[in-house]
N, C-alpha and C. Protein backbone atom coordinates (compact mmCIF):
# COMPACT_ATOMS: atom_id res chain seq x y z
N MET A 1 0.85 -1.16 0.00
CA MET A 1 0.00 0.00 0.00
C MET A 1 0.90 1.23 0.00
N ASN A 2 0.56 2.22 -0.81
CA ASN A 2 1.34 3.45 -0.89
C ASN A 2 0.99 4.38 0.26
N ILE A 3 2.02 4.84 0.92
CA ILE A 3 1.86 5.73 2.06
C ILE A 3 2.64 7.01 1.79
N ASN A 4 2.10 8.13 2.25
CA ASN A 4 2.76 9.41 2.11
C ASN A 4 3.93 9.45 3.09
N SER A 5 5.13 9.14 2.59
CA SER A 5 6.30 9.03 3.46
C SER A 5 6.68 10.38 4.07
N GLU A 6 6.44 11.45 3.33
CA GLU A 6 6.75 12.78 3.87
C GLU A 6 5.85 13.12 5.05
N LYS A 7 4.59 12.74 4.97
CA LYS A 7 3.65 12.99 6.06
C LYS A 7 4.06 12.20 7.31
N VAL A 8 4.44 10.94 7.14
CA VAL A 8 4.87 10.12 8.26
C VAL A 8 6.12 10.72 8.89
N LYS A 9 7.06 11.11 8.05
CA LYS A 9 8.30 11.71 8.56
C LYS A 9 8.00 13.01 9.31
N GLN A 10 7.10 13.83 8.74
CA GLN A 10 6.74 15.10 9.36
C GLN A 10 6.08 14.85 10.73
N LEU A 11 5.17 13.90 10.82
CA LEU A 11 4.51 13.60 12.09
C LEU A 11 5.51 13.05 13.11
N ARG A 12 6.45 12.24 12.65
CA ARG A 12 7.45 11.69 13.54
C ARG A 12 8.35 12.78 14.10
N VAL A 13 8.77 13.71 13.25
CA VAL A 13 9.63 14.81 13.69
C VAL A 13 8.86 15.75 14.63
N GLN A 14 7.58 16.00 14.33
CA GLN A 14 6.77 16.85 15.21
C GLN A 14 6.70 16.28 16.61
N LYS A 15 6.63 14.96 16.73
CA LYS A 15 6.58 14.31 18.04
C LYS A 15 7.95 14.23 18.70
N GLY A 16 9.00 14.50 17.91
CA GLY A 16 10.35 14.43 18.44
C GLY A 16 10.86 13.02 18.60
N TRP A 17 10.36 12.09 17.77
CA TRP A 17 10.74 10.69 17.86
C TRP A 17 11.79 10.34 16.81
N SER A 18 12.63 9.40 17.15
CA SER A 18 13.55 8.83 16.17
C SER A 18 12.81 7.69 15.46
N GLN A 19 13.44 7.17 14.42
CA GLN A 19 12.84 6.03 13.73
C GLN A 19 12.77 4.82 14.65
N GLU A 20 13.78 4.66 15.51
CA GLU A 20 13.77 3.54 16.46
C GLU A 20 12.59 3.64 17.42
N GLN A 21 12.35 4.86 17.92
CA GLN A 21 11.25 5.05 18.86
C GLN A 21 9.91 4.78 18.18
N LEU A 22 9.75 5.27 16.96
CA LEU A 22 8.51 5.04 16.23
C LEU A 22 8.30 3.55 16.00
N SER A 23 9.36 2.83 15.67
CA SER A 23 9.21 1.39 15.45
C SER A 23 8.79 0.68 16.74
N GLU A 24 9.31 1.12 17.88
CA GLU A 24 8.91 0.53 19.16
C GLU A 24 7.45 0.83 19.49
N PHE A 25 7.04 2.07 19.27
CA PHE A 25 5.66 2.46 19.57
C PHE A 25 4.66 1.73 18.68
N CYS A 26 5.04 1.51 17.41
CA CYS A 26 4.14 0.83 16.46
C CYS A 26 4.20 -0.68 16.60
N GLY A 27 5.28 -1.18 17.16
CA GLY A 27 5.43 -2.62 17.26
C GLY A 27 5.86 -3.25 15.95
N VAL A 28 6.57 -2.48 15.13
CA VAL A 28 7.09 -3.00 13.86
C VAL A 28 8.60 -2.92 13.87
N ASN A 29 9.20 -3.56 12.92
CA ASN A 29 10.64 -3.59 12.79
C ASN A 29 11.17 -2.21 12.38
N LEU A 30 12.37 -1.87 12.83
CA LEU A 30 13.00 -0.62 12.43
C LEU A 30 13.18 -0.56 10.92
N ARG A 31 13.52 -1.68 10.32
CA ARG A 31 13.70 -1.74 8.86
C ARG A 31 12.42 -1.37 8.13
N THR A 32 11.27 -1.73 8.70
CA THR A 32 9.98 -1.38 8.09
C THR A 32 9.79 0.14 8.08
N ILE A 33 10.13 0.79 9.18
CA ILE A 33 10.01 2.25 9.25
C ILE A 33 10.96 2.91 8.27
N GLN A 34 12.19 2.40 8.17
CA GLN A 34 13.16 2.96 7.24
C GLN A 34 12.68 2.81 5.80
N ARG A 35 12.17 1.62 5.46
CA ARG A 35 11.66 1.39 4.10
C ARG A 35 10.45 2.27 3.81
N LEU A 36 9.60 2.43 4.83
CA LEU A 36 8.40 3.25 4.67
C LEU A 36 8.77 4.70 4.36
N GLU A 37 9.74 5.23 5.09
CA GLU A 37 10.14 6.62 4.87
C GLU A 37 10.95 6.79 3.59
N LYS A 38 11.56 5.72 3.10
CA LYS A 38 12.33 5.81 1.86
C LYS A 38 11.46 5.60 0.63
N ARG A 39 10.65 4.52 0.65
CA ARG A 39 9.89 4.14 -0.54
C ARG A 39 8.41 4.48 -0.47
N GLY A 40 7.89 4.67 0.73
CA GLY A 40 6.48 5.01 0.87
C GLY A 40 5.54 3.84 0.71
N THR A 41 6.01 2.63 1.02
CA THR A 41 5.14 1.46 0.93
C THR A 41 5.13 0.73 2.27
N ALA A 42 3.97 0.24 2.63
CA ALA A 42 3.82 -0.51 3.88
C ALA A 42 2.57 -1.37 3.80
N SER A 43 2.47 -2.31 4.72
CA SER A 43 1.30 -3.18 4.75
C SER A 43 0.13 -2.47 5.43
N GLN A 44 -1.02 -3.07 5.31
CA GLN A 44 -2.24 -2.52 5.93
C GLN A 44 -2.09 -2.48 7.45
N GLU A 45 -1.48 -3.51 8.02
CA GLU A 45 -1.29 -3.57 9.47
C GLU A 45 -0.37 -2.45 9.95
N THR A 46 0.70 -2.20 9.20
CA THR A 46 1.62 -1.12 9.56
C THR A 46 0.92 0.22 9.47
N LEU A 47 0.09 0.40 8.45
CA LEU A 47 -0.66 1.65 8.31
C LEU A 47 -1.58 1.87 9.51
N LYS A 48 -2.27 0.82 9.93
CA LYS A 48 -3.16 0.94 11.10
C LYS A 48 -2.37 1.26 12.36
N ALA A 49 -1.21 0.63 12.53
CA ALA A 49 -0.38 0.90 13.70
C ALA A 49 0.13 2.34 13.71
N LEU A 50 0.53 2.83 12.55
CA LEU A 50 1.00 4.22 12.45
C LEU A 50 -0.13 5.19 12.77
N ALA A 51 -1.30 4.92 12.22
CA ALA A 51 -2.44 5.81 12.47
C ALA A 51 -2.79 5.83 13.95
N ALA A 52 -2.70 4.68 14.60
CA ALA A 52 -3.01 4.62 16.04
C ALA A 52 -1.97 5.38 16.86
N VAL A 53 -0.71 5.24 16.51
CA VAL A 53 0.35 5.90 17.26
C VAL A 53 0.29 7.42 17.06
N PHE A 54 0.05 7.85 15.84
CA PHE A 54 -0.01 9.29 15.56
C PHE A 54 -1.38 9.89 15.88
N GLU A 55 -2.35 9.04 16.22
CA GLU A 55 -3.71 9.46 16.54
C GLU A 55 -4.34 10.26 15.40
N VAL A 56 -4.21 9.69 14.20
CA VAL A 56 -4.82 10.29 13.01
C VAL A 56 -5.58 9.20 12.26
N ASP A 57 -6.40 9.62 11.30
CA ASP A 57 -7.12 8.68 10.46
C ASP A 57 -6.13 8.04 9.48
N ALA A 58 -6.31 6.77 9.19
CA ALA A 58 -5.39 6.05 8.30
C ALA A 58 -5.38 6.67 6.90
N GLN A 59 -6.49 7.24 6.47
CA GLN A 59 -6.56 7.85 5.14
C GLN A 59 -5.63 9.04 5.00
N THR A 60 -5.35 9.74 6.12
CA THR A 60 -4.46 10.90 6.03
C THR A 60 -3.02 10.49 5.77
N LEU A 61 -2.69 9.24 6.05
CA LEU A 61 -1.33 8.76 5.83
C LEU A 61 -1.13 8.14 4.45
N THR A 62 -2.21 7.81 3.76
CA THR A 62 -2.06 7.21 2.43
C THR A 62 -1.75 8.30 1.42
N SER A 63 -1.11 7.89 0.35
CA SER A 63 -0.71 8.86 -0.67
C SER A 63 -1.69 8.91 -1.82
N SER A 64 -2.90 8.39 -1.62
CA SER A 64 -3.88 8.40 -2.70
C SER A 64 -4.36 9.82 -3.01
N ASN A 65 -4.19 10.75 -2.05
CA ASN A 65 -4.61 12.13 -2.30
C ASN A 65 -3.55 12.90 -3.07
N GLN A 66 -2.37 12.33 -3.26
CA GLN A 66 -1.33 12.96 -4.04
C GLN A 66 -1.38 12.40 -5.46
N PRO A 67 -1.09 13.24 -6.46
CA PRO A 67 -1.06 12.70 -7.81
C PRO A 67 0.12 11.74 -7.97
N VAL A 68 -0.18 10.52 -8.37
CA VAL A 68 0.86 9.51 -8.57
C VAL A 68 1.28 9.55 -10.04
N PRO A 69 2.57 9.69 -10.30
CA PRO A 69 2.99 9.71 -11.69
C PRO A 69 2.78 8.34 -12.33
N LYS A 70 1.95 8.31 -13.34
CA LYS A 70 1.61 7.04 -13.99
C LYS A 70 2.24 6.97 -15.37
N ARG A 71 3.46 7.42 -15.46
CA ARG A 71 4.15 7.33 -16.73
C ARG A 71 4.87 6.00 -16.80
N ALA A 72 4.86 5.42 -17.96
CA ALA A 72 5.43 4.08 -18.13
C ALA A 72 6.93 4.07 -17.81
N PHE A 73 7.67 5.04 -18.31
CA PHE A 73 9.11 5.07 -18.10
C PHE A 73 9.45 5.19 -16.62
N THR A 74 8.72 6.04 -15.92
CA THR A 74 8.94 6.20 -14.48
C THR A 74 8.62 4.91 -13.74
N SER A 75 7.56 4.25 -14.14
CA SER A 75 7.18 2.99 -13.51
C SER A 75 8.24 1.92 -13.71
N ILE A 76 8.79 1.83 -14.91
CA ILE A 76 9.84 0.85 -15.19
C ILE A 76 11.10 1.15 -14.39
N LEU A 77 11.48 2.42 -14.34
CA LEU A 77 12.67 2.81 -13.57
C LEU A 77 12.49 2.52 -12.08
N ASN A 78 11.30 2.79 -11.55
CA ASN A 78 11.04 2.50 -10.14
C ASN A 78 11.11 1.01 -9.86
N THR A 79 10.63 0.20 -10.78
CA THR A 79 10.69 -1.25 -10.61
C THR A 79 12.14 -1.73 -10.62
N LEU A 80 12.94 -1.18 -11.51
CA LEU A 80 14.36 -1.55 -11.54
C LEU A 80 15.08 -1.07 -10.28
N LYS A 81 14.71 0.11 -9.81
CA LYS A 81 15.33 0.65 -8.60
C LYS A 81 14.95 -0.18 -7.37
N ASP A 82 13.72 -0.68 -7.34
CA ASP A 82 13.23 -1.47 -6.21
C ASP A 82 13.38 -2.97 -6.47
N PHE A 83 14.47 -3.35 -7.14
CA PHE A 83 14.66 -4.75 -7.51
C PHE A 83 14.74 -5.68 -6.31
N ASP A 84 15.05 -5.13 -5.13
CA ASP A 84 15.21 -5.97 -3.95
C ASP A 84 14.01 -5.92 -3.01
N ASP A 85 12.94 -5.27 -3.43
CA ASP A 85 11.76 -5.13 -2.58
C ASP A 85 10.77 -6.25 -2.89
N PHE A 86 10.74 -7.25 -2.03
CA PHE A 86 9.83 -8.37 -2.19
C PHE A 86 8.68 -8.29 -1.18
N GLN A 87 8.61 -7.21 -0.38
CA GLN A 87 7.67 -7.14 0.72
C GLN A 87 6.44 -6.27 0.44
N SER A 88 6.58 -5.21 -0.32
CA SER A 88 5.45 -4.30 -0.51
C SER A 88 4.52 -4.81 -1.60
N ARG A 89 3.78 -3.92 -2.19
CA ARG A 89 2.80 -4.31 -3.21
C ARG A 89 3.03 -3.51 -4.49
N ALA A 90 2.58 -4.05 -5.60
CA ALA A 90 2.69 -3.39 -6.90
C ALA A 90 1.33 -3.42 -7.57
N ASP A 91 0.92 -2.29 -8.11
CA ASP A 91 -0.36 -2.27 -8.80
C ASP A 91 -0.21 -2.84 -10.21
N ARG A 92 -1.33 -2.99 -10.88
CA ARG A 92 -1.31 -3.59 -12.22
C ARG A 92 -0.49 -2.75 -13.19
N TYR A 93 -0.62 -1.45 -13.07
CA TYR A 93 0.09 -0.55 -13.97
C TYR A 93 1.60 -0.80 -13.90
N GLU A 94 2.13 -0.82 -12.69
CA GLU A 94 3.57 -1.02 -12.51
C GLU A 94 4.01 -2.38 -13.06
N PHE A 95 3.27 -3.43 -12.73
CA PHE A 95 3.67 -4.75 -13.18
C PHE A 95 3.63 -4.87 -14.69
N TRP A 96 2.52 -4.48 -15.31
CA TRP A 96 2.38 -4.73 -16.73
C TRP A 96 3.33 -3.89 -17.59
N TRP A 97 3.66 -2.68 -17.15
CA TRP A 97 4.64 -1.90 -17.90
C TRP A 97 6.01 -2.56 -17.81
N PHE A 98 6.34 -3.07 -16.63
CA PHE A 98 7.63 -3.76 -16.52
C PHE A 98 7.61 -5.05 -17.32
N PHE A 99 6.49 -5.76 -17.35
CA PHE A 99 6.38 -6.99 -18.13
C PHE A 99 6.59 -6.70 -19.62
N ILE A 100 5.97 -5.65 -20.13
CA ILE A 100 6.14 -5.28 -21.54
C ILE A 100 7.60 -4.93 -21.81
N PHE A 101 8.20 -4.15 -20.92
CA PHE A 101 9.61 -3.79 -21.04
C PHE A 101 10.48 -5.06 -21.07
N PHE A 102 10.21 -5.98 -20.17
CA PHE A 102 10.96 -7.23 -20.06
C PHE A 102 10.89 -8.02 -21.36
N VAL A 103 9.69 -8.17 -21.89
CA VAL A 103 9.52 -8.96 -23.13
C VAL A 103 10.19 -8.26 -24.31
N LEU A 104 10.04 -6.94 -24.42
CA LEU A 104 10.64 -6.23 -25.55
C LEU A 104 12.17 -6.25 -25.49
N ILE A 105 12.73 -6.07 -24.31
CA ILE A 105 14.19 -6.10 -24.18
C ILE A 105 14.72 -7.50 -24.49
N LEU A 106 14.02 -8.53 -24.03
CA LEU A 106 14.45 -9.90 -24.35
C LEU A 106 14.37 -10.17 -25.85
N ALA A 107 13.31 -9.70 -26.49
CA ALA A 107 13.17 -9.90 -27.93
C ALA A 107 14.27 -9.18 -28.69
N LEU A 108 14.56 -7.95 -28.27
CA LEU A 108 15.64 -7.19 -28.91
C LEU A 108 16.98 -7.87 -28.70
N ALA A 109 17.24 -8.34 -27.49
CA ALA A 109 18.50 -9.01 -27.20
C ALA A 109 18.63 -10.31 -27.99
N GLU A 110 17.53 -11.00 -28.19
CA GLU A 110 17.59 -12.25 -28.93
C GLU A 110 17.87 -12.02 -30.41
N THR A 111 17.41 -10.90 -30.95
CA THR A 111 17.73 -10.59 -32.35
C THR A 111 19.21 -10.28 -32.51
N ILE A 112 19.84 -9.80 -31.44
CA ILE A 112 21.27 -9.51 -31.50
C ILE A 112 22.06 -10.82 -31.43
N HIS A 113 21.86 -11.55 -30.36
CA HIS A 113 22.56 -12.84 -30.20
C HIS A 113 21.95 -13.59 -29.03
N LEU A 114 21.97 -14.91 -29.09
CA LEU A 114 21.39 -15.73 -28.04
C LEU A 114 22.11 -15.53 -26.71
N ALA A 115 23.42 -15.33 -26.75
CA ALA A 115 24.19 -15.11 -25.52
C ALA A 115 23.79 -13.79 -24.87
N VAL A 116 23.53 -12.78 -25.67
CA VAL A 116 23.08 -11.48 -25.14
C VAL A 116 21.71 -11.64 -24.49
N ALA A 117 20.83 -12.40 -25.14
CA ALA A 117 19.50 -12.63 -24.58
C ALA A 117 19.60 -13.36 -23.24
N SER A 118 20.49 -14.32 -23.15
CA SER A 118 20.67 -15.04 -21.88
C SER A 118 21.17 -14.12 -20.78
N ALA A 119 22.11 -13.25 -21.11
CA ALA A 119 22.64 -12.31 -20.12
C ALA A 119 21.57 -11.33 -19.66
N VAL A 120 20.79 -10.83 -20.60
CA VAL A 120 19.71 -9.90 -20.26
C VAL A 120 18.66 -10.59 -19.39
N ALA A 121 18.33 -11.81 -19.73
CA ALA A 121 17.34 -12.56 -18.94
C ALA A 121 17.83 -12.76 -17.51
N ILE A 122 19.09 -13.07 -17.35
CA ILE A 122 19.64 -13.26 -16.00
C ILE A 122 19.63 -11.95 -15.23
N ILE A 123 19.98 -10.86 -15.88
CA ILE A 123 20.02 -9.55 -15.21
C ILE A 123 18.62 -9.11 -14.79
N LEU A 124 17.63 -9.32 -15.65
CA LEU A 124 16.27 -8.84 -15.36
C LEU A 124 15.43 -9.84 -14.57
N LEU A 125 15.97 -11.02 -14.27
CA LEU A 125 15.20 -12.03 -13.56
C LEU A 125 14.81 -11.58 -12.15
N ILE A 126 15.74 -11.06 -11.38
CA ILE A 126 15.44 -10.65 -10.00
C ILE A 126 14.42 -9.51 -9.97
N PRO A 127 14.57 -8.43 -10.77
CA PRO A 127 13.52 -7.40 -10.75
C PRO A 127 12.15 -7.94 -11.18
N PHE A 128 12.15 -8.88 -12.15
CA PHE A 128 10.88 -9.46 -12.58
C PHE A 128 10.23 -10.28 -11.47
N LEU A 129 11.02 -11.09 -10.77
CA LEU A 129 10.47 -11.88 -9.66
C LEU A 129 10.01 -10.97 -8.52
N ALA A 130 10.74 -9.88 -8.30
CA ALA A 130 10.34 -8.95 -7.23
C ALA A 130 9.01 -8.28 -7.56
N VAL A 131 8.86 -7.77 -8.78
CA VAL A 131 7.61 -7.09 -9.13
C VAL A 131 6.47 -8.10 -9.22
N SER A 132 6.75 -9.34 -9.64
CA SER A 132 5.71 -10.38 -9.65
C SER A 132 5.27 -10.72 -8.23
N THR A 133 6.22 -10.80 -7.33
CA THR A 133 5.90 -11.08 -5.92
C THR A 133 5.05 -9.97 -5.35
N ARG A 134 5.44 -8.73 -5.61
CA ARG A 134 4.66 -7.59 -5.09
C ARG A 134 3.26 -7.57 -5.69
N ARG A 135 3.15 -7.92 -6.97
CA ARG A 135 1.85 -7.92 -7.64
C ARG A 135 0.95 -9.02 -7.09
N LEU A 136 1.50 -10.23 -6.90
CA LEU A 136 0.71 -11.32 -6.34
C LEU A 136 0.25 -10.97 -4.93
N ARG A 137 1.13 -10.34 -4.16
CA ARG A 137 0.77 -9.92 -2.80
C ARG A 137 -0.38 -8.90 -2.85
N ASP A 138 -0.35 -8.02 -3.87
CA ASP A 138 -1.39 -7.00 -4.00
C ASP A 138 -2.74 -7.61 -4.36
N THR A 139 -2.72 -8.75 -5.06
CA THR A 139 -3.98 -9.41 -5.43
C THR A 139 -4.47 -10.36 -4.35
N GLY A 140 -3.68 -10.56 -3.31
CA GLY A 140 -4.07 -11.45 -2.23
C GLY A 140 -3.74 -12.91 -2.51
N GLN A 141 -2.90 -13.15 -3.49
CA GLN A 141 -2.51 -14.52 -3.84
C GLN A 141 -1.18 -14.87 -3.18
N SER A 142 -0.90 -16.15 -3.10
CA SER A 142 0.38 -16.62 -2.55
C SER A 142 1.50 -16.35 -3.56
N VAL A 143 2.64 -15.91 -3.04
CA VAL A 143 3.78 -15.66 -3.92
C VAL A 143 4.36 -16.97 -4.47
N TRP A 144 3.99 -18.08 -3.85
CA TRP A 144 4.48 -19.38 -4.30
C TRP A 144 3.88 -19.80 -5.63
N TRP A 145 2.85 -19.11 -6.12
CA TRP A 145 2.29 -19.41 -7.44
C TRP A 145 3.35 -19.23 -8.52
N GLN A 146 4.40 -18.47 -8.23
CA GLN A 146 5.44 -18.25 -9.22
C GLN A 146 6.19 -19.53 -9.59
N LEU A 147 6.09 -20.54 -8.74
CA LEU A 147 6.69 -21.82 -9.09
C LEU A 147 6.04 -22.42 -10.34
N MET A 148 4.83 -21.97 -10.64
CA MET A 148 4.13 -22.46 -11.83
C MET A 148 4.83 -22.01 -13.12
N TYR A 149 5.75 -21.02 -13.03
CA TYR A 149 6.55 -20.65 -14.20
C TYR A 149 7.36 -21.85 -14.70
N LEU A 150 7.66 -22.78 -13.81
CA LEU A 150 8.49 -23.93 -14.16
C LEU A 150 7.70 -25.06 -14.80
N VAL A 151 6.37 -24.97 -14.77
CA VAL A 151 5.50 -26.01 -15.31
C VAL A 151 5.02 -25.58 -16.69
N PRO A 152 4.98 -26.51 -17.66
CA PRO A 152 4.46 -26.13 -18.97
C PRO A 152 3.04 -25.55 -18.85
N PHE A 153 2.82 -24.44 -19.46
CA PHE A 153 1.56 -23.71 -19.47
C PHE A 153 1.17 -23.17 -18.10
N GLY A 154 2.01 -23.37 -17.11
CA GLY A 154 1.75 -22.82 -15.77
C GLY A 154 1.82 -21.30 -15.76
N VAL A 155 2.57 -20.75 -16.70
CA VAL A 155 2.69 -19.30 -16.78
C VAL A 155 1.33 -18.65 -17.04
N LEU A 156 0.45 -19.37 -17.74
CA LEU A 156 -0.89 -18.82 -18.01
C LEU A 156 -1.68 -18.63 -16.73
N LEU A 157 -1.57 -19.57 -15.81
CA LEU A 157 -2.25 -19.44 -14.52
C LEU A 157 -1.67 -18.27 -13.72
N VAL A 158 -0.36 -18.14 -13.73
CA VAL A 158 0.27 -17.04 -12.99
C VAL A 158 -0.13 -15.71 -13.61
N LEU A 159 -0.15 -15.62 -14.93
CA LEU A 159 -0.56 -14.37 -15.59
C LEU A 159 -2.02 -14.03 -15.26
N TYR A 160 -2.85 -15.03 -15.11
CA TYR A 160 -4.23 -14.78 -14.70
C TYR A 160 -4.27 -14.12 -13.33
N TYR A 161 -3.51 -14.67 -12.38
CA TYR A 161 -3.47 -14.08 -11.04
C TYR A 161 -2.86 -12.69 -11.05
N LEU A 162 -1.86 -12.48 -11.90
CA LEU A 162 -1.22 -11.17 -11.99
C LEU A 162 -2.15 -10.12 -12.58
N ALA A 163 -3.12 -10.56 -13.38
CA ALA A 163 -4.06 -9.63 -14.01
C ALA A 163 -5.24 -9.29 -13.12
N MET A 164 -5.38 -9.98 -12.00
CA MET A 164 -6.51 -9.74 -11.10
C MET A 164 -6.42 -8.33 -10.49
N PRO A 165 -7.56 -7.76 -10.11
CA PRO A 165 -7.51 -6.44 -9.45
C PRO A 165 -6.93 -6.55 -8.04
N SER A 166 -6.54 -5.41 -7.51
CA SER A 166 -6.00 -5.35 -6.15
C SER A 166 -7.07 -5.76 -5.14
N ILE A 167 -6.63 -6.13 -3.96
CA ILE A 167 -7.57 -6.54 -2.90
C ILE A 167 -8.53 -5.40 -2.58
N GLU A 168 -8.03 -4.17 -2.52
CA GLU A 168 -8.89 -3.02 -2.23
C GLU A 168 -9.97 -2.85 -3.29
N GLN A 169 -9.60 -3.08 -4.56
CA GLN A 169 -10.58 -2.95 -5.63
C GLN A 169 -11.59 -4.10 -5.59
N GLN A 170 -11.15 -5.29 -5.19
CA GLN A 170 -12.07 -6.43 -5.10
C GLN A 170 -13.09 -6.19 -4.02
N LYS A 171 -12.69 -5.59 -2.90
CA LYS A 171 -13.61 -5.34 -1.78
C LYS A 171 -14.62 -4.26 -2.13
N SER A 172 -14.21 -3.28 -2.95
CA SER A 172 -15.13 -2.18 -3.25
C SER A 172 -16.17 -2.55 -4.29
N VAL A 173 -15.94 -3.64 -5.02
CA VAL A 173 -16.88 -4.04 -6.07
C VAL A 173 -18.02 -4.83 -5.51
């Protein structure tokens, strides 16, 4: 879930708390607070804990009231930058733009040479698995469904789960 990291930081500084103190008050790991203030992503439980500690409504901490840049290039760069983030969530927009980028780069590399395509596939594998994990988490599915990539035609099942709407969108329908 996207959280307004600047708002959280501002509230923390207003209270005169360090990140360690905030993590103790919320009952979450210090690493979670650091990631939240850096990337602006956290789980629903962390959001509720922050809202309770700061004594504010949870909606005031979400970044849905801020315009989110939905440009494809920015989304792809953010996915590459967050190649090691397997914990937060990714919306459909972020995943599918990176998927298109992944397929196009692999196709281009394969036209150059098979060895280049193999190198590109190895380099982009971790960011792809990370964004797939975040996307599956956002749909409420188990991240272990990615093992179906290893089964013939299993990728179709995984793509179905990746195309599902977010949990928040499923609840509102």
